[in-house]
Amino acid sequence: MTSYGWPDLVGNIGVALIVGAYLALQLGRLDGRALLYSITNAVGASLVLVSLWFDFNLSAFIVEVFWVVISLIGLVRNVNDPTRIPSRVDSGGSD
C-alpha cells in the first residue's frame, strides 16, 4: 500500500472543489456562467494536475488540462462580459 502524502491531499482538495462546484450548479446555488464557477473549476483542476505531477496518469492529465482550458475560457468570457452573471442563482424572491 502506498502512503498518503501532500500531493494526494492537494489532488483531493482539487477534486472536492470540482465536485462541490458541480453540486452547487445542480442544486441551483451557482450559475454555470458565473465567475466563481469558472474559478473554482480552474483551481480544482490545477490542484489535481499538481498531484498528477507526482503520480502521473495520462488519461487524468488530459481531462484536467482540458478542464483548466475550458475554465479559463469561461473566466475570460465572464470578465469581458459587461452583463456579468452573479455567482448565486436568483431564488426568485419578490422585488
N, C-alpha and C. Protein backbone atom coordinates (compact mmCIF):
# COMPACT_ATOMS: atom_id res chain seq x y z
N MET A 1 0.84 -1.18 0.00
CA MET A 1 0.00 0.00 0.00
C MET A 1 0.89 1.24 0.00
N THR A 2 0.52 2.22 -0.80
CA THR A 2 1.29 3.45 -0.85
C THR A 2 0.87 4.39 0.27
N SER A 3 1.77 5.29 0.59
CA SER A 3 1.45 6.26 1.65
C SER A 3 0.67 7.43 1.08
N TYR A 4 -0.05 8.09 1.96
CA TYR A 4 -0.85 9.26 1.59
C TYR A 4 -0.01 10.49 1.90
N GLY A 5 0.43 11.18 0.84
CA GLY A 5 1.29 12.35 1.03
C GLY A 5 0.59 13.64 0.66
N TRP A 6 1.34 14.72 0.75
CA TRP A 6 0.75 16.02 0.45
C TRP A 6 0.24 16.14 -0.99
N PRO A 7 0.88 15.49 -1.99
CA PRO A 7 0.30 15.57 -3.34
C PRO A 7 -1.10 14.95 -3.41
N ASP A 8 -1.31 13.89 -2.64
CA ASP A 8 -2.64 13.27 -2.60
C ASP A 8 -3.65 14.22 -1.97
N LEU A 9 -3.25 14.88 -0.91
CA LEU A 9 -4.13 15.84 -0.24
C LEU A 9 -4.50 16.99 -1.19
N VAL A 10 -3.50 17.52 -1.88
CA VAL A 10 -3.74 18.61 -2.83
C VAL A 10 -4.69 18.16 -3.93
N GLY A 11 -4.47 16.97 -4.47
CA GLY A 11 -5.35 16.44 -5.50
C GLY A 11 -6.77 16.23 -5.00
N ASN A 12 -6.90 15.74 -3.78
CA ASN A 12 -8.24 15.52 -3.21
C ASN A 12 -8.97 16.83 -2.95
N ILE A 13 -8.24 17.85 -2.57
CA ILE A 13 -8.85 19.18 -2.41
C ILE A 13 -9.35 19.67 -3.77
N GLY A 14 -8.55 19.45 -4.81
CA GLY A 14 -8.97 19.82 -6.16
C GLY A 14 -10.22 19.10 -6.59
N VAL A 15 -10.28 17.80 -6.32
CA VAL A 15 -11.48 17.03 -6.65
C VAL A 15 -12.68 17.56 -5.88
N ALA A 16 -12.49 17.87 -4.60
CA ALA A 16 -13.59 18.40 -3.78
C ALA A 16 -14.10 19.73 -4.35
N LEU A 17 -13.19 20.58 -4.84
CA LEU A 17 -13.61 21.86 -5.43
C LEU A 17 -14.43 21.63 -6.70
N ILE A 18 -13.96 20.74 -7.56
CA ILE A 18 -14.67 20.48 -8.81
C ILE A 18 -16.03 19.87 -8.54
N VAL A 19 -16.07 18.86 -7.69
CA VAL A 19 -17.33 18.19 -7.38
C VAL A 19 -18.27 19.13 -6.63
N GLY A 20 -17.72 19.92 -5.72
CA GLY A 20 -18.54 20.88 -4.98
C GLY A 20 -19.15 21.93 -5.89
N ALA A 21 -18.37 22.42 -6.86
CA ALA A 21 -18.90 23.40 -7.81
C ALA A 21 -20.00 22.79 -8.66
N TYR A 22 -19.80 21.55 -9.07
CA TYR A 22 -20.82 20.90 -9.90
C TYR A 22 -22.09 20.63 -9.08
N LEU A 23 -21.92 20.24 -7.83
CA LEU A 23 -23.07 20.04 -6.95
C LEU A 23 -23.84 21.35 -6.76
N ALA A 24 -23.11 22.43 -6.51
CA ALA A 24 -23.75 23.74 -6.35
C ALA A 24 -24.50 24.15 -7.62
N LEU A 25 -23.93 23.83 -8.77
CA LEU A 25 -24.59 24.11 -10.04
C LEU A 25 -25.90 23.32 -10.14
N GLN A 26 -25.85 22.04 -9.83
CA GLN A 26 -27.03 21.19 -9.94
C GLN A 26 -28.11 21.54 -8.92
N LEU A 27 -27.71 22.04 -7.76
CA LEU A 27 -28.66 22.43 -6.73
C LEU A 27 -29.20 23.85 -6.94
N GLY A 28 -28.71 24.53 -7.98
CA GLY A 28 -29.17 25.88 -8.28
C GLY A 28 -28.56 26.93 -7.37
N ARG A 29 -27.47 26.60 -6.72
CA ARG A 29 -26.79 27.55 -5.83
C ARG A 29 -25.75 28.38 -6.57
N LEU A 30 -25.38 27.95 -7.77
CA LEU A 30 -24.33 28.60 -8.53
C LEU A 30 -24.71 28.56 -10.00
N ASP A 31 -24.50 29.66 -10.70
CA ASP A 31 -24.78 29.72 -12.13
C ASP A 31 -23.53 29.26 -12.88
N GLY A 32 -23.71 28.44 -13.89
CA GLY A 32 -22.60 27.91 -14.67
C GLY A 32 -21.82 28.97 -15.44
N ARG A 33 -22.41 30.15 -15.61
CA ARG A 33 -21.72 31.25 -16.30
C ARG A 33 -21.06 32.21 -15.32
N ALA A 34 -21.20 31.95 -14.03
CA ALA A 34 -20.67 32.85 -13.00
C ALA A 34 -19.15 32.72 -12.91
N LEU A 35 -18.53 33.82 -12.56
CA LEU A 35 -17.07 33.85 -12.40
C LEU A 35 -16.61 32.83 -11.36
N LEU A 36 -17.32 32.73 -10.26
CA LEU A 36 -16.95 31.80 -9.20
C LEU A 36 -16.91 30.36 -9.68
N TYR A 37 -17.85 29.99 -10.54
CA TYR A 37 -17.88 28.62 -11.07
C TYR A 37 -16.61 28.32 -11.88
N SER A 38 -16.23 29.23 -12.75
CA SER A 38 -15.04 29.04 -13.57
C SER A 38 -13.77 29.04 -12.72
N ILE A 39 -13.70 29.93 -11.75
CA ILE A 39 -12.52 29.99 -10.88
C ILE A 39 -12.39 28.70 -10.09
N THR A 40 -13.49 28.24 -9.51
CA THR A 40 -13.45 27.02 -8.70
C THR A 40 -13.01 25.83 -9.53
N ASN A 41 -13.52 25.72 -10.75
CA ASN A 41 -13.13 24.61 -11.62
C ASN A 41 -11.66 24.71 -12.05
N ALA A 42 -11.21 25.91 -12.37
CA ALA A 42 -9.82 26.07 -12.79
C ALA A 42 -8.85 25.75 -11.65
N VAL A 43 -9.16 26.23 -10.47
CA VAL A 43 -8.30 25.95 -9.31
C VAL A 43 -8.34 24.46 -8.97
N GLY A 44 -9.52 23.88 -8.97
CA GLY A 44 -9.65 22.45 -8.67
C GLY A 44 -8.86 21.60 -9.63
N ALA A 45 -9.02 21.85 -10.92
CA ALA A 45 -8.29 21.07 -11.93
C ALA A 45 -6.79 21.29 -11.82
N SER A 46 -6.38 22.50 -11.50
CA SER A 46 -4.95 22.78 -11.33
C SER A 46 -4.37 22.00 -10.15
N LEU A 47 -5.14 21.90 -9.08
CA LEU A 47 -4.67 21.13 -7.93
C LEU A 47 -4.56 19.64 -8.26
N VAL A 48 -5.49 19.14 -9.04
CA VAL A 48 -5.39 17.74 -9.47
C VAL A 48 -4.14 17.56 -10.34
N LEU A 49 -3.85 18.53 -11.20
CA LEU A 49 -2.63 18.45 -12.02
C LEU A 49 -1.37 18.43 -11.17
N VAL A 50 -1.38 19.18 -10.07
CA VAL A 50 -0.22 19.14 -9.16
C VAL A 50 -0.03 17.73 -8.64
N SER A 51 -1.10 17.09 -8.23
CA SER A 51 -0.97 15.73 -7.71
C SER A 51 -0.51 14.76 -8.80
N LEU A 52 -0.93 15.00 -10.04
CA LEU A 52 -0.52 14.13 -11.14
C LEU A 52 0.96 14.27 -11.47
N TRP A 53 1.54 15.37 -11.10
CA TRP A 53 2.99 15.56 -11.30
C TRP A 53 3.78 14.49 -10.55
N PHE A 54 3.23 14.05 -9.42
CA PHE A 54 3.92 13.08 -8.57
C PHE A 54 3.48 11.65 -8.82
N ASP A 55 2.30 11.46 -9.37
CA ASP A 55 1.79 10.12 -9.68
C ASP A 55 1.01 10.24 -10.98
N PHE A 56 1.76 10.21 -12.10
CA PHE A 56 1.21 10.54 -13.41
C PHE A 56 0.23 9.49 -13.92
N ASN A 57 -0.84 9.99 -14.56
CA ASN A 57 -1.82 9.17 -15.24
C ASN A 57 -2.24 9.97 -16.47
N LEU A 58 -1.94 9.45 -17.65
CA LEU A 58 -2.16 10.20 -18.88
C LEU A 58 -3.62 10.59 -19.08
N SER A 59 -4.53 9.67 -18.87
CA SER A 59 -5.95 9.97 -19.08
C SER A 59 -6.42 11.09 -18.15
N ALA A 60 -6.06 11.00 -16.88
CA ALA A 60 -6.45 12.03 -15.91
C ALA A 60 -5.79 13.36 -16.28
N PHE A 61 -4.55 13.32 -16.72
CA PHE A 61 -3.84 14.53 -17.12
C PHE A 61 -4.57 15.23 -18.27
N ILE A 62 -4.97 14.46 -19.28
CA ILE A 62 -5.66 15.05 -20.43
C ILE A 62 -6.98 15.69 -20.01
N VAL A 63 -7.74 15.00 -19.18
CA VAL A 63 -9.02 15.55 -18.71
C VAL A 63 -8.79 16.85 -17.96
N GLU A 64 -7.82 16.87 -17.06
CA GLU A 64 -7.59 18.07 -16.23
C GLU A 64 -7.05 19.23 -17.05
N VAL A 65 -6.23 18.96 -18.05
CA VAL A 65 -5.75 20.05 -18.91
C VAL A 65 -6.93 20.69 -19.64
N PHE A 66 -7.81 19.86 -20.20
CA PHE A 66 -9.00 20.40 -20.86
C PHE A 66 -9.89 21.14 -19.87
N TRP A 67 -10.00 20.62 -18.64
CA TRP A 67 -10.84 21.26 -17.62
C TRP A 67 -10.30 22.67 -17.31
N VAL A 68 -8.99 22.79 -17.20
CA VAL A 68 -8.38 24.11 -16.94
C VAL A 68 -8.61 25.04 -18.13
N VAL A 69 -8.36 24.55 -19.34
CA VAL A 69 -8.52 25.39 -20.53
C VAL A 69 -9.96 25.87 -20.67
N ILE A 70 -10.92 24.96 -20.52
CA ILE A 70 -12.33 25.34 -20.64
C ILE A 70 -12.71 26.34 -19.54
N SER A 71 -12.21 26.13 -18.34
CA SER A 71 -12.49 27.06 -17.24
C SER A 71 -11.89 28.43 -17.52
N LEU A 72 -10.70 28.46 -18.10
CA LEU A 72 -10.09 29.74 -18.44
C LEU A 72 -10.87 30.46 -19.53
N ILE A 73 -11.43 29.71 -20.48
CA ILE A 73 -12.30 30.32 -21.49
C ILE A 73 -13.50 30.96 -20.80
N GLY A 74 -14.09 30.26 -19.85
CA GLY A 74 -15.22 30.82 -19.10
C GLY A 74 -14.83 32.05 -18.32
N LEU A 75 -13.64 32.04 -17.72
CA LEU A 75 -13.16 33.21 -16.98
C LEU A 75 -13.02 34.42 -17.90
N VAL A 76 -12.38 34.23 -19.03
CA VAL A 76 -12.17 35.33 -19.98
C VAL A 76 -13.50 35.87 -20.48
N ARG A 77 -14.39 34.98 -20.84
CA ARG A 77 -15.71 35.42 -21.33
C ARG A 77 -16.45 36.19 -20.25
N ASN A 78 -16.37 35.73 -19.01
CA ASN A 78 -17.07 36.38 -17.92
C ASN A 78 -16.50 37.76 -17.65
N VAL A 79 -15.19 37.87 -17.61
CA VAL A 79 -14.54 39.15 -17.31
C VAL A 79 -14.82 40.17 -18.42
N ASN A 80 -14.91 39.70 -19.66
CA ASN A 80 -15.16 40.60 -20.79
C ASN A 80 -16.64 40.88 -21.02
N ASP A 81 -17.52 40.29 -20.22
CA ASP A 81 -18.97 40.47 -20.40
C ASP A 81 -19.47 41.59 -19.49
N PRO A 82 -20.01 42.67 -20.08
CA PRO A 82 -20.50 43.77 -19.25
C PRO A 82 -21.75 43.40 -18.44
N THR A 83 -22.43 42.35 -18.83
CA THR A 83 -23.63 41.91 -18.10
C THR A 83 -23.30 40.64 -17.32
N ARG A 84 -22.32 40.74 -16.43
CA ARG A 84 -21.86 39.58 -15.67
C ARG A 84 -22.98 38.90 -14.91
N ILE A 85 -22.84 37.60 -14.80
CA ILE A 85 -23.79 36.77 -14.06
C ILE A 85 -23.34 36.73 -12.60
N PRO A 86 -24.24 36.96 -11.65
CA PRO A 86 -23.85 36.83 -10.24
C PRO A 86 -23.52 35.38 -9.92
N SER A 87 -22.75 35.17 -8.87
CA SER A 87 -22.33 33.82 -8.50
C SER A 87 -23.50 32.94 -8.11
N ARG A 88 -24.43 33.50 -7.36
CA ARG A 88 -25.58 32.72 -6.91
C ARG A 88 -26.73 32.87 -7.89
N VAL A 89 -27.50 31.83 -7.98
CA VAL A 89 -28.69 31.87 -8.83
C VAL A 89 -29.78 32.61 -8.07
N ASP A 90 -30.51 33.47 -8.76
CA ASP A 90 -31.61 34.21 -8.14
C ASP A 90 -32.66 33.23 -7.66
N SER A 91 -33.07 33.35 -6.42
CA SER A 91 -34.03 32.42 -5.84
C SER A 91 -35.46 32.73 -6.25
N GLY A 92 -35.65 33.80 -7.02
CA GLY A 92 -36.99 34.13 -7.49
C GLY A 92 -37.84 34.82 -6.45
N GLY A 93 -37.19 35.46 -5.47
CA GLY A 93 -37.92 36.18 -4.43
C GLY A 93 -38.58 37.43 -4.96
N SER A 94 -39.34 38.09 -4.14
CA SER A 94 -40.05 39.30 -4.57
C SER A 94 -39.08 40.46 -4.73
N ASP A 95 -39.47 41.40 -5.59
CA ASP A 95 -38.62 42.57 -5.87
C ASP A 95 -38.74 43.62 -4.81
